[in-house]
């Protein structure tokens, strides 16, 4: 007799994919492929990291440090073979808002708290919950973030003279309208030229590093033509040529309480985006990530990023896809990408000082367009009306109010929509007009009996579908529909696969009402899960007022209705 294999130990869920890859064998050919992929991704990540930091209201050096520290740790400790981590566009409105309200120190503390939350979420094995996130909610807040990114770049795109740009959507556009007369034609021309170049490269040379090419050419044009536009060094000062030393930010309990909602938003967004990115990479390489290990790695990476004064980080879908297309074979590629960016900071950081901010704004407009998922939105707008409402509400709240509020409201709306749809599926039908072919053991002989004609004083109803809280009240209304309580009431539950506490309570209330009215209740076809729940909640047969039988024919036999397969029964107490 074979002995079944034991389940893998719990710690196996948290073994990084790097360890698994090295155990399976890793040679020089794999290393060369990973180094080339890491260099390719670094070329894409260099301008992106700076642009994302600038759009978030931080210095470009902070974006580079985040890509180095968090990017290295996410690959080294994560549960995905090819995931690339770092700052992402999804965080821009969140980070910008936190900095505007609590200062950069507040962002650092919130990121540190978010890192701790992600580690706890991974240890509690909450990584699999992302699959329960409704698609209209995901698309709604992603499209909303894209609009927020677009909205944040108008100042640099047009070179508007605005000292302090509001964090909120409506006040921001009011500020744009108030300063529309300060448009800088040099900045606008450079931004539009960069945007046109990015679009052309994307269409005719999609395999080229378009972002890097566009930024380099825009920088050369700014330097050679001495264009009077803002650059990295003119707004933020020179990019440092070293990493910041780790240090713990100052905080107290009051500060932690104040930043808790922001930390939750960062943790939620980081967890969801990283796991979605891991799912996408799984589809590209035919692999399978470890979701809880990925959450722990994201938590450690965000905490480490905060300790060096960096931004929140997560899995970056575009950079991960670039990594796969470049031939990455293991997490070594992601670690190499971080080391290549570090080499740039140590050797060539002064080259970043002349990068024009209008070119960065143009690059972020392309990123916002890519995030908007126009085709997915069009597809969802053809879906049932409830999904369209969830999509629109989540989108509007993300843009106008806050990402956390948007997701909370969107998920609640989707949950209510699901409950409504499930309640519509559940059917509660009288025996009249029903054929009993749904009974599994219903033989040809028994079909010859006219079960639509029940003895006087006997009523029967059949429930089809899960009996949960959204439909439990319909059970309570059954007996009220009769002018006079029947002597026997047959409740057929074979088509009920699931009962929750509310459904069991409704059955219990039905039993109590039947006892008060002198009605004998016979329940047929009880499945295992409903049987366990009813027993646990004290709804048990007593042989007189409540009986459980296998099926509807058995209930009729109990009442003395003869069938070809049974002999007439003596009148029972159920009558």
Protein backbone atom coordinates (compact mmCIF):
# COMPACT_ATOMS: atom_id res chain seq x y z
CA UNK A 1 0.00 0.00 0.00
CA UNK A 2 1.44 3.39 -1.01
CA UNK A 3 1.86 6.08 1.59
CA UNK A 4 0.52 9.48 0.48
CA UNK A 5 3.13 12.20 0.18
CA UNK A 6 3.13 14.64 3.05
CA UNK A 7 2.37 18.31 2.44
CA UNK A 8 5.43 20.55 2.01
CA UNK A 9 6.48 22.41 5.16
CA UNK A 10 5.15 25.91 5.72
CA UNK A 11 8.55 27.54 5.32
CA UNK A 12 8.61 26.31 1.72
CA UNK A 13 6.14 29.11 0.87
CA UNK A 14 8.82 31.68 1.69
CA UNK A 15 11.84 30.23 -0.11
CA UNK A 16 12.99 32.90 -2.62
CA UNK A 17 12.97 31.92 -6.27
CA UNK A 18 16.67 32.80 -6.34
CA UNK A 19 17.39 29.86 -4.02
CA UNK A 20 15.20 27.54 -6.08
CA UNK A 21 16.93 28.60 -9.30
CA UNK A 22 20.41 28.04 -7.91
CA UNK A 23 19.41 24.62 -6.57
CA UNK A 24 18.16 23.58 -9.99
CA UNK A 25 21.50 24.41 -11.58
CA UNK A 26 22.87 27.73 -12.78
CA UNK A 27 25.71 27.99 -15.32
CA UNK A 28 27.70 30.61 -17.18
CA UNK A 29 25.23 30.64 -20.08
CA UNK A 30 22.43 31.52 -17.64
CA UNK A 31 24.60 34.23 -16.08
CA UNK A 32 25.37 35.82 -19.46
CA UNK A 33 21.65 35.87 -20.37
CA UNK A 34 20.74 37.41 -17.03
CA UNK A 35 23.46 40.08 -17.27
CA UNK A 36 22.31 41.13 -20.74
CA UNK A 37 18.69 41.23 -19.59
CA UNK A 38 19.67 43.23 -16.49
CA UNK A 39 21.55 45.78 -18.62
CA UNK A 40 18.59 46.10 -20.98
CA UNK A 41 16.17 46.72 -18.11
CA UNK A 42 18.58 49.18 -16.47
CA UNK A 43 18.61 51.25 -19.68
CA UNK A 44 14.81 51.45 -19.45
CA UNK A 45 14.72 51.98 -15.68
CA UNK A 46 17.28 54.82 -15.54
CA UNK A 47 15.14 57.60 -17.03
CA UNK A 48 11.95 56.06 -15.64
CA UNK A 49 13.19 56.08 -12.04
CA UNK A 50 14.12 59.74 -12.24
CA UNK A 51 10.90 60.74 -14.02
CA UNK A 52 8.69 58.86 -11.55
CA UNK A 53 10.44 60.48 -8.60
CA UNK A 54 10.07 63.97 -10.10
CA UNK A 55 6.38 63.36 -10.83
CA UNK A 56 5.91 62.22 -7.22
CA UNK A 57 7.30 65.48 -5.87
CA UNK A 58 10.70 64.03 -4.93
CA UNK A 59 14.22 64.44 -6.32
CA UNK A 60 15.44 62.21 -9.16
CA UNK A 61 18.22 60.89 -6.92
CA UNK A 62 15.56 59.36 -4.67
CA UNK A 63 14.10 57.46 -7.62
CA UNK A 64 17.50 56.05 -8.51
CA UNK A 65 18.17 54.97 -4.93
CA UNK A 66 14.78 53.26 -4.78
CA UNK A 67 15.49 51.35 -7.99
CA UNK A 68 18.86 50.23 -6.62
CA UNK A 69 17.93 49.21 -3.07
CA UNK A 70 14.36 48.01 -3.51
CA UNK A 71 14.99 46.59 -6.98
CA UNK A 72 17.86 44.44 -5.71
CA UNK A 73 15.96 43.11 -2.68
CA UNK A 74 12.73 42.39 -4.56
CA UNK A 75 14.64 40.17 -6.99
CA UNK A 76 16.89 38.58 -4.36
CA UNK A 77 14.12 37.73 -1.86
CA UNK A 78 11.00 37.56 -4.03
CA UNK A 79 8.80 34.68 -5.09
CA UNK A 80 8.89 35.45 -8.81
CA UNK A 81 11.63 34.27 -11.16
CA UNK A 82 11.76 37.38 -13.39
CA UNK A 83 10.06 40.16 -11.40
CA UNK A 84 11.66 43.62 -11.64
CA UNK A 85 10.93 45.98 -8.76
CA UNK A 86 11.31 49.70 -8.22
CA UNK A 87 9.28 52.93 -8.21
CA UNK A 88 6.19 52.74 -10.42
CA UNK A 89 3.72 55.16 -11.94
CA UNK A 90 0.86 53.81 -9.83
CA UNK A 91 2.41 55.39 -6.74
CA UNK A 92 2.69 58.91 -8.20
CA UNK A 93 -0.65 60.37 -6.99
CA UNK A 94 -0.36 58.58 -3.64
CA UNK A 95 3.22 59.71 -2.97
CA UNK A 96 2.55 63.24 -4.20
CA UNK A 97 -0.44 63.54 -1.87
CA UNK A 98 1.46 62.19 1.15
CA UNK A 99 4.38 64.56 0.57
CA UNK A 100 2.01 67.51 0.11
CA UNK A 101 0.17 66.80 3.37
CA UNK A 102 2.85 65.32 5.65
CA UNK A 103 6.18 66.27 4.09
CA UNK A 104 8.86 63.94 2.78
CA UNK A 105 9.65 62.67 6.27
CA UNK A 106 6.02 61.61 6.55
CA UNK A 107 6.35 59.62 3.31
CA UNK A 108 9.43 57.84 4.64
CA UNK A 109 7.62 56.82 7.84
CA UNK A 110 4.51 55.73 5.89
CA UNK A 111 6.68 53.64 3.54
CA UNK A 112 8.39 52.00 6.51
CA UNK A 113 4.99 51.17 8.02
CA UNK A 114 3.77 49.84 4.67
CA UNK A 115 6.80 47.56 4.50
CA UNK A 116 5.93 46.10 7.90
CA UNK A 117 2.30 45.63 6.78
CA UNK A 118 3.38 43.75 3.66
CA UNK A 119 5.63 41.43 5.67
CA UNK A 120 2.75 40.67 8.05
CA UNK A 121 0.37 40.12 5.10
CA UNK A 122 2.80 37.63 3.59
CA UNK A 123 3.26 35.77 6.88
CA UNK A 124 -0.53 35.59 7.24
CA UNK A 125 -0.65 34.10 3.72
CA UNK A 126 -2.87 36.82 2.30
CA UNK A 127 -1.08 36.78 -1.05
CA UNK A 128 -3.70 34.62 -2.70
CA UNK A 129 -6.45 37.15 -1.97
CA UNK A 130 -5.48 39.31 -4.94
CA UNK A 131 -7.35 36.87 -7.20
CA UNK A 132 -10.58 37.99 -5.51
CA UNK A 133 -10.08 41.61 -6.61
CA UNK A 134 -12.83 42.37 -9.19
CA UNK A 135 -11.55 43.37 -12.62
CA UNK A 136 -13.73 46.54 -12.84
CA UNK A 137 -12.13 47.76 -9.60
CA UNK A 138 -8.58 47.07 -10.85
CA UNK A 139 -9.24 48.72 -14.21
CA UNK A 140 -11.06 51.63 -12.57
CA UNK A 141 -8.31 52.61 -10.17
CA UNK A 142 -5.56 51.95 -12.75
CA UNK A 143 -7.26 54.25 -15.26
CA UNK A 144 -7.85 56.79 -12.50
CA UNK A 145 -4.15 56.75 -11.62
CA UNK A 146 -3.34 57.31 -15.30
CA UNK A 147 -5.53 60.41 -15.36
CA UNK A 148 -3.91 61.65 -12.13
CA UNK A 149 -0.44 61.21 -13.69
CA UNK A 150 -1.53 63.15 -16.77
CA UNK A 151 -2.96 65.86 -14.56
CA UNK A 152 0.27 66.18 -12.57
CA UNK A 153 2.45 66.79 -15.66
CA UNK A 154 0.70 69.79 -17.24
CA UNK A 155 2.88 72.25 -15.30
CA UNK A 156 6.18 70.89 -16.65
CA UNK A 157 4.69 70.07 -20.05
CA UNK A 158 3.70 73.69 -20.66
CA UNK A 159 6.33 75.31 -18.44
CA UNK A 160 3.69 77.04 -16.31
CA UNK A 161 4.89 79.40 -13.59
CA UNK A 162 3.20 77.82 -10.54
CA UNK A 163 5.08 77.97 -7.25
CA UNK A 164 3.17 75.19 -5.47
CA UNK A 165 0.96 72.75 -7.36
CA UNK A 166 -2.05 71.51 -5.32
CA UNK A 167 -2.26 67.78 -4.67
CA UNK A 168 -6.03 67.52 -5.26
CA UNK A 169 -7.40 67.07 -8.77
CA UNK A 170 -9.91 69.93 -8.97
CA UNK A 171 -7.73 72.60 -7.25
CA UNK A 172 -4.83 71.54 -9.49
CA UNK A 173 -6.79 72.25 -12.66
CA UNK A 174 -8.02 75.51 -11.16
CA UNK A 175 -4.36 76.48 -10.68
CA UNK A 176 -3.63 75.55 -14.30
CA UNK A 177 -6.50 77.74 -15.49
CA UNK A 178 -5.32 80.65 -13.31
CA UNK A 179 -1.76 80.47 -14.73
CA UNK A 180 -2.53 79.56 -18.33
CA UNK A 181 -1.02 82.87 -19.45
CA UNK A 182 2.44 81.79 -18.27
CA UNK A 183 2.92 79.08 -20.89
CA UNK A 184 6.59 78.77 -21.90
CA UNK A 185 6.87 78.10 -25.68
CA UNK A 186 10.36 76.60 -25.30
CA UNK A 187 9.24 74.09 -22.71
CA UNK A 188 6.07 73.28 -24.68
CA UNK A 189 7.98 72.82 -27.93
CA UNK A 190 10.59 70.57 -26.31
CA UNK A 191 7.89 68.47 -24.59
CA UNK A 192 5.86 68.05 -27.78
CA UNK A 193 8.99 67.17 -29.76
CA UNK A 194 9.94 64.54 -27.18
CA UNK A 195 6.39 63.18 -27.20
CA UNK A 196 6.40 62.94 -31.01
CA UNK A 197 9.75 61.11 -30.91
CA UNK A 198 8.46 58.64 -28.31
CA UNK A 199 5.36 57.91 -30.37
CA UNK A 200 7.44 57.44 -33.54
CA UNK A 201 9.90 55.09 -31.81
CA UNK A 202 7.05 53.11 -30.29
CA UNK A 203 5.43 52.66 -33.70
CA UNK A 204 8.43 52.01 -35.95
CA UNK A 205 11.17 50.84 -33.58
CA UNK A 206 9.39 49.31 -30.58
CA UNK A 207 12.41 47.15 -29.70
CA UNK A 208 14.65 50.20 -29.15
CA UNK A 209 14.96 51.82 -25.67
CA UNK A 210 12.67 54.69 -26.60
CA UNK A 211 12.65 56.44 -23.23
CA UNK A 212 16.44 56.58 -23.00
CA UNK A 213 16.84 57.71 -26.62
CA UNK A 214 14.23 60.47 -26.22
CA UNK A 215 15.71 61.75 -22.96
CA UNK A 216 19.28 61.75 -24.33
CA UNK A 217 18.28 63.61 -27.51
CA UNK A 218 16.19 66.12 -25.54
CA UNK A 219 19.12 66.70 -23.17
CA UNK A 220 21.53 67.23 -26.07
CA UNK A 221 19.11 69.70 -27.69
CA UNK A 222 18.80 71.60 -24.39
CA UNK A 223 22.58 71.82 -23.92
CA UNK A 224 23.60 72.52 -27.52
CA UNK A 225 20.84 75.04 -28.21
CA UNK A 226 20.99 76.45 -24.67
CA UNK A 227 17.22 76.21 -24.33
CA UNK A 228 15.84 78.23 -21.37
CA UNK A 229 13.94 75.35 -19.76
CA UNK A 230 14.04 73.81 -16.27
CA UNK A 231 16.42 70.90 -15.79
CA UNK A 232 17.09 68.42 -13.02
CA UNK A 233 19.94 70.47 -11.58
CA UNK A 234 18.08 73.80 -11.74
CA UNK A 235 15.17 72.47 -9.66
CA UNK A 236 16.66 69.74 -7.48
CA UNK A 237 20.39 70.42 -7.43
CA UNK A 238 23.08 67.99 -8.61
CA UNK A 239 22.41 64.26 -8.49
CA UNK A 240 24.67 62.78 -5.77
CA UNK A 241 27.27 60.21 -6.76
CA UNK A 242 26.74 57.96 -3.75
CA UNK A 243 23.95 56.16 -1.96
CA UNK A 244 22.39 57.66 1.14
CA UNK A 245 23.41 56.06 4.43
CA UNK A 246 20.62 54.09 6.15
CA UNK A 247 18.96 55.94 9.02
CA UNK A 248 15.78 55.50 11.02
CA UNK A 249 13.33 58.42 10.61
CA UNK A 250 12.02 60.18 13.70
CA UNK A 251 8.44 59.32 14.68
CA UNK A 252 6.12 58.88 17.65
CA UNK A 253 2.79 57.15 18.24
CA UNK A 254 0.80 60.21 17.22
CA UNK A 255 2.73 60.38 13.94
CA UNK A 256 2.17 56.69 13.27
CA UNK A 257 -1.57 57.07 13.87
CA UNK A 258 -1.70 60.07 11.55
CA UNK A 259 0.11 58.24 8.75
CA UNK A 260 -1.71 54.91 9.14
CA UNK A 261 -4.22 55.45 6.25
CA UNK A 262 -1.42 56.50 3.90
CA UNK A 263 0.68 53.49 4.93
CA UNK A 264 -2.25 51.17 4.29
CA UNK A 265 -2.76 52.68 0.83
CA UNK A 266 0.92 52.22 -0.04
CA UNK A 267 0.91 48.64 1.26
CA UNK A 268 -2.30 47.76 -0.57
CA UNK A 269 -1.20 49.25 -3.86
CA UNK A 270 2.27 47.74 -3.60
CA UNK A 271 0.90 44.30 -2.81
CA UNK A 272 -1.72 44.30 -5.56
CA UNK A 273 0.56 45.66 -8.28
CA UNK A 274 3.43 43.32 -7.40
CA UNK A 275 1.20 40.24 -7.49
CA UNK A 276 -0.47 41.32 -10.73
CA UNK A 277 2.98 41.82 -12.25
CA UNK A 278 4.02 38.35 -11.02
CA UNK A 279 0.92 36.83 -12.63
CA UNK A 280 1.75 38.55 -15.94
CA UNK A 281 5.34 37.28 -15.81
CA UNK A 282 4.09 33.76 -15.02
CA UNK A 283 2.06 33.84 -18.21
CA UNK A 284 5.08 34.97 -20.22
CA UNK A 285 7.51 32.30 -18.95
CA UNK A 286 5.08 29.51 -18.03
CA UNK A 287 6.11 29.68 -14.39
CA UNK A 288 4.39 29.97 -11.05
CA UNK A 289 5.27 32.57 -8.43
CA UNK A 290 5.06 32.27 -4.64
CA UNK A 291 2.65 35.03 -3.72
CA UNK A 292 3.30 35.13 0.02
CA UNK A 293 7.06 35.07 -0.46
CA UNK A 294 6.62 37.96 -2.90
CA UNK A 295 4.69 40.00 -0.31
CA UNK A 296 7.40 39.45 2.31
CA UNK A 297 10.07 40.51 -0.19
CA UNK A 298 8.07 43.61 -1.11
CA UNK A 299 7.77 44.46 2.59
CA UNK A 300 11.50 44.07 3.25
CA UNK A 301 12.34 46.08 0.11
CA UNK A 302 10.01 48.95 1.04
CA UNK A 303 11.37 49.08 4.59
CA UNK A 304 14.93 49.15 3.24
CA UNK A 305 14.00 51.85 0.72
CA UNK A 306 12.53 53.96 3.52
CA UNK A 307 15.70 53.57 5.60
CA UNK A 308 17.76 55.19 2.80
CA UNK A 309 15.11 57.86 2.22
CA UNK A 310 13.65 56.19 -0.87
CA UNK A 311 10.17 55.92 -2.38
CA UNK A 312 7.66 53.07 -2.14
CA UNK A 313 8.45 50.26 -4.56
CA UNK A 314 6.63 47.35 -6.12
CA UNK A 315 6.77 45.01 -9.08
CA UNK A 316 6.89 46.96 -12.34
CA UNK A 317 4.92 45.27 -15.11
CA UNK A 318 6.58 47.08 -18.04
CA UNK A 319 10.12 46.53 -16.75
CA UNK A 320 9.30 42.91 -15.90
CA UNK A 321 8.01 42.32 -19.43
CA UNK A 322 11.18 43.95 -20.80
CA UNK A 323 13.24 41.65 -18.62
CA UNK A 324 11.47 38.56 -20.00
CA UNK A 325 11.80 39.69 -23.62
CA UNK A 326 15.51 40.37 -23.06
CA UNK A 327 16.06 36.72 -22.13
CA UNK A 328 16.11 36.74 -18.32
CA UNK A 329 16.34 33.30 -16.76
CA UNK A 330 16.42 33.98 -13.03
CA UNK A 331 16.21 36.67 -10.34
CA UNK A 332 19.89 37.38 -11.03
CA UNK A 333 18.73 39.58 -13.94
CA UNK A 334 16.76 41.82 -11.57
CA UNK A 335 19.69 42.02 -9.15
CA UNK A 336 22.00 42.89 -12.07
CA UNK A 337 19.63 45.64 -13.22
CA UNK A 338 19.94 47.28 -9.79
CA UNK A 339 23.75 46.98 -9.85
CA UNK A 340 23.94 48.56 -13.32
CA UNK A 341 21.92 51.55 -12.07
CA UNK A 342 24.28 51.76 -9.08
CA UNK A 343 27.25 51.86 -11.47
CA UNK A 344 25.61 54.74 -13.33
CA UNK A 345 25.12 56.68 -10.08
CA UNK A 346 28.74 56.14 -9.04
CA UNK A 347 30.27 56.95 -12.41
CA UNK A 348 27.97 59.04 -14.56
CA UNK A 349 25.51 60.82 -12.25
CA UNK A 350 26.49 64.33 -13.48
CA UNK A 351 25.08 63.44 -16.91
CA UNK A 352 21.60 63.35 -15.34
CA UNK A 353 21.85 66.96 -14.15
CA UNK A 354 21.10 68.41 -17.60
CA UNK A 355 17.97 66.35 -18.29
CA UNK A 356 15.12 68.79 -19.13
CA UNK A 357 11.96 68.43 -17.09
CA UNK A 358 9.59 68.98 -20.09
CA UNK A 359 11.10 65.83 -21.65
CA UNK A 360 10.40 63.92 -18.43
CA UNK A 361 6.80 65.20 -18.53
CA UNK A 362 6.39 63.93 -22.09
CA UNK A 363 7.70 60.53 -21.05
CA UNK A 364 5.19 60.37 -18.20
CA UNK A 365 2.33 61.21 -20.57
CA UNK A 366 3.23 58.08 -22.56
CA UNK A 367 3.34 56.07 -19.33
CA UNK A 368 -0.09 57.43 -18.34
CA UNK A 369 -1.51 56.43 -21.72
CA UNK A 370 -0.07 52.94 -21.38
CA UNK A 371 -1.65 52.62 -17.92
CA UNK A 372 -5.07 53.82 -19.03
CA UNK A 373 -5.99 50.45 -20.65
CA UNK A 374 -8.40 52.02 -23.11
CA UNK A 375 -9.24 48.72 -24.78
CA UNK A 376 -9.97 47.06 -21.43
CA UNK A 377 -12.24 49.97 -20.48
CA UNK A 378 -14.12 49.67 -23.77
CA UNK A 379 -14.54 45.97 -23.15
CA UNK A 380 -15.86 46.50 -19.62
CA UNK A 381 -18.27 49.19 -20.81
CA UNK A 382 -19.98 46.43 -22.80
CA UNK A 383 -20.32 44.29 -19.68
CA UNK A 384 -23.48 44.09 -17.48
CA UNK A 385 -24.67 47.38 -16.00
CA UNK A 386 -23.50 46.56 -12.49
CA UNK A 387 -19.88 46.08 -13.58
CA UNK A 388 -20.03 49.35 -15.49
CA UNK A 389 -21.18 51.18 -12.37
CA UNK A 390 -18.33 49.67 -10.33
CA UNK A 391 -15.82 50.68 -13.02
CA UNK A 392 -17.05 54.28 -13.29
CA UNK A 393 -17.41 54.84 -9.54
CA UNK A 394 -13.92 53.46 -8.83
CA UNK A 395 -12.44 55.58 -11.62
CA UNK A 396 -14.12 58.82 -10.52
CA UNK A 397 -13.28 58.34 -6.84
CA UNK A 398 -9.63 57.55 -7.67
CA UNK A 399 -9.31 60.78 -9.64
CA UNK A 400 -11.34 63.12 -7.45
CA UNK A 401 -11.07 61.74 -3.92
CA UNK A 402 -8.51 59.11 -3.00
CA UNK A 403 -7.28 55.69 -4.10
CA UNK A 404 -8.09 54.04 -0.77
CA UNK A 405 -11.67 55.35 -0.76
CA UNK A 406 -12.05 54.34 -4.41
CA UNK A 407 -10.94 50.76 -3.82
CA UNK A 408 -13.01 50.40 -0.64
CA UNK A 409 -16.17 51.69 -2.31
CA UNK A 410 -15.49 49.71 -5.49
CA UNK A 411 -14.99 46.42 -3.66
CA UNK A 412 -18.10 46.99 -1.50
CA UNK A 413 -20.17 47.81 -4.59
CA UNK A 414 -18.84 44.71 -6.36
CA UNK A 415 -19.65 42.59 -3.30
CA UNK A 416 -23.23 43.88 -3.15
CA UNK A 417 -23.56 43.32 -6.89
CA UNK A 418 -22.35 39.75 -6.48
CA UNK A 419 -24.81 39.12 -3.63
CA UNK A 420 -27.67 40.54 -5.69
CA UNK A 421 -26.77 38.33 -8.64
CA UNK A 422 -26.46 35.25 -6.48
CA UNK A 423 -29.80 35.95 -4.84
CA UNK A 424 -31.38 36.14 -8.29
CA UNK A 425 -29.96 32.72 -9.13
CA UNK A 426 -31.50 31.08 -6.05
CA UNK A 427 -34.98 29.76 -6.79
CA UNK A 428 -37.69 28.92 -4.25
CA UNK A 429 -40.45 27.03 -6.05
CA UNK A 430 -43.67 25.31 -5.11
CA UNK A 431 -44.08 21.63 -5.98
CA UNK A 432 -46.88 22.47 -8.41
CA UNK A 433 -45.75 22.01 -11.98
CA UNK A 434 -42.32 20.62 -11.05
CA UNK A 435 -41.12 17.35 -12.54
CA UNK A 436 -39.05 15.30 -10.15
CA UNK A 437 -36.36 14.31 -12.63
CA UNK A 438 -33.88 16.33 -10.55
CA UNK A 439 -33.85 13.52 -7.98
CA UNK A 440 -30.77 11.42 -8.73
CA UNK A 441 -32.37 8.15 -7.67
CA UNK A 442 -35.68 8.84 -9.39
CA UNK A 443 -36.42 5.67 -11.35
CA UNK A 444 -38.64 5.21 -14.38
CA UNK A 445 -41.20 3.46 -12.18
CA UNK A 446 -41.40 6.38 -9.80
CA UNK A 447 -41.95 8.84 -12.64
CA UNK A 448 -45.22 7.04 -13.26
CA UNK A 449 -46.56 8.36 -9.97
CA UNK A 450 -48.29 11.73 -10.14
CA UNK A 451 -46.25 13.61 -7.55
CA UNK A 452 -47.84 16.92 -8.52
CA UNK A 453 -50.91 15.80 -6.59
CA UNK A 454 -50.11 15.86 -2.88
CA UNK A 455 -52.39 14.77 -0.05
CA UNK A 456 -54.62 17.43 1.39
CA UNK A 457 -52.82 19.56 3.97
CA UNK A 458 -49.36 18.79 2.55
CA UNK A 459 -47.23 21.47 0.86
CA UNK A 460 -43.77 21.18 -0.71
CA UNK A 461 -41.18 23.70 -1.84
CA UNK A 462 -37.81 23.25 -3.54
CA UNK A 463 -34.81 25.55 -3.02
CA UNK A 464 -32.20 25.70 -5.81
CA UNK A 465 -28.86 27.40 -5.17
CA UNK A 466 -26.84 28.52 -2.13
CA UNK A 467 -28.92 29.50 0.86
CA UNK A 468 -27.09 32.53 2.24
CA UNK A 469 -27.96 35.76 4.00
CA UNK A 470 -29.14 37.59 0.87
CA UNK A 471 -31.95 35.07 0.31
CA UNK A 472 -32.55 33.73 3.83
CA UNK A 473 -35.55 36.02 4.38
CA UNK A 474 -37.37 34.24 1.55
CA UNK A 475 -37.46 31.08 3.68
CA UNK A 476 -39.13 33.05 6.47
CA UNK A 477 -41.86 34.19 4.08
CA UNK A 478 -42.83 30.72 2.83
CA UNK A 479 -45.31 29.72 5.54
CA UNK A 480 -46.77 33.22 5.63
CA UNK A 481 -47.96 32.68 2.05
CA UNK A 482 -50.43 29.99 3.14
CA UNK A 483 -53.86 31.05 4.33
CA UNK A 484 -53.87 28.18 6.85
CA UNK A 485 -50.77 26.35 8.11
CA UNK A 486 -50.39 22.94 6.40
CA UNK A 487 -50.24 19.71 8.39
CA UNK A 488 -46.96 18.76 6.69
CA UNK A 489 -44.43 20.96 4.94
CA UNK A 490 -41.75 19.34 2.74
CA UNK A 491 -38.65 21.46 2.13
CA UNK A 492 -36.48 20.03 -0.66
CA UNK A 493 -32.81 21.04 -0.30
CA UNK A 494 -30.94 18.61 -2.55
CA UNK A 495 -30.04 21.46 -4.93
CA UNK A 496 -28.62 23.59 -2.10
CA UNK A 497 -24.83 23.06 -2.01
CA UNK A 498 -24.09 25.65 0.65
CA UNK A 499 -25.76 27.20 3.70
CA UNK A 500 -24.30 30.02 5.77
CA UNK A 501 -25.21 31.08 9.31
CA UNK A 502 -28.08 33.26 8.09
CA UNK A 503 -29.52 30.43 6.02
CA UNK A 504 -29.26 28.02 8.96
CA UNK A 505 -30.92 30.61 11.20
CA UNK A 506 -33.76 30.93 8.69
CA UNK A 507 -34.23 27.14 8.70
CA UNK A 508 -34.22 27.20 12.51
CA UNK A 509 -36.86 29.93 12.51
CA UNK A 510 -38.91 27.87 10.06
CA UNK A 511 -38.68 24.86 12.39
CA UNK A 512 -39.82 26.97 15.36
CA UNK A 513 -42.74 28.43 13.39
CA UNK A 514 -43.82 24.98 12.22
CA UNK A 515 -43.82 23.75 15.82
CA UNK A 516 -45.95 26.69 16.93
CA UNK A 517 -48.42 26.09 14.10
CA UNK A 518 -48.51 22.31 14.58
CA UNK A 519 -46.91 21.69 11.18
CA UNK A 520 -44.58 18.73 10.72
CA UNK A 521 -41.47 19.72 8.73
CA UNK A 522 -39.74 17.20 6.47
CA UNK A 523 -36.39 18.23 4.90
CA UNK A 524 -35.19 16.15 1.96
CA UNK A 525 -31.87 15.66 0.18
CA UNK A 526 -29.64 17.48 2.65
CA UNK A 527 -26.06 17.74 1.30
CA UNK A 528 -22.97 17.32 3.55
CA UNK A 529 -22.10 20.99 4.08
CA UNK A 530 -25.66 22.12 4.91
CA UNK A 531 -26.04 19.06 7.16
CA UNK A 532 -22.91 20.01 9.12
CA UNK A 533 -23.95 23.65 9.52
CA UNK A 534 -27.50 22.81 10.62
CA UNK A 535 -26.22 20.28 13.16
CA UNK A 536 -23.66 22.74 14.49
CA UNK A 537 -26.35 25.39 14.94
CA UNK A 538 -28.74 23.04 16.74
CA UNK A 539 -31.19 22.25 13.92
CA UNK A 540 -31.56 18.49 14.48
CA UNK A 541 -34.31 16.00 13.70
CA UNK A 542 -36.57 15.01 16.61
CA UNK A 543 -38.58 12.29 14.85
CA UNK A 544 -41.86 14.18 14.99
CA UNK A 545 -41.89 17.92 14.25
CA UNK A 546 -38.66 17.75 12.17
CA UNK A 547 -37.45 14.87 10.03
CA UNK A 548 -34.63 14.45 7.52
CA UNK A 549 -35.08 12.01 4.62
CA UNK A 550 -32.97 11.15 1.61
CA UNK A 551 -35.17 12.45 -1.19
CA UNK A 552 -38.64 13.57 -2.22
CA UNK A 553 -39.98 10.04 -2.94
CA UNK A 554 -38.89 9.02 0.57
CA UNK A 555 -40.82 11.95 1.98
CA UNK A 556 -43.94 10.89 0.08
CA UNK A 557 -43.49 7.32 1.25
CA UNK A 558 -43.28 8.63 4.81
CA UNK A 559 -46.64 10.30 4.26
CA UNK A 560 -48.18 7.08 2.98
CA UNK A 561 -48.20 7.92 -0.74
CA UNK A 562 -47.67 4.59 -2.50
CA UNK A 563 -45.20 4.22 -5.39
CA UNK A 564 -44.38 1.18 -7.52
CA UNK A 565 -41.03 0.95 -5.75
CA UNK A 566 -42.44 1.15 -2.24
CA UNK A 567 -45.25 -0.33 -0.26
CA UNK A 568 -47.82 1.81 1.45
CA UNK A 569 -46.60 3.03 4.78
CA UNK A 570 -48.62 3.24 7.93
CA UNK A 571 -49.70 6.76 8.83
CA UNK A 572 -46.78 8.33 10.63
CA UNK A 573 -46.45 11.06 13.16
CA UNK A 574 -45.39 13.31 10.27
CA UNK A 575 -49.03 13.27 9.19
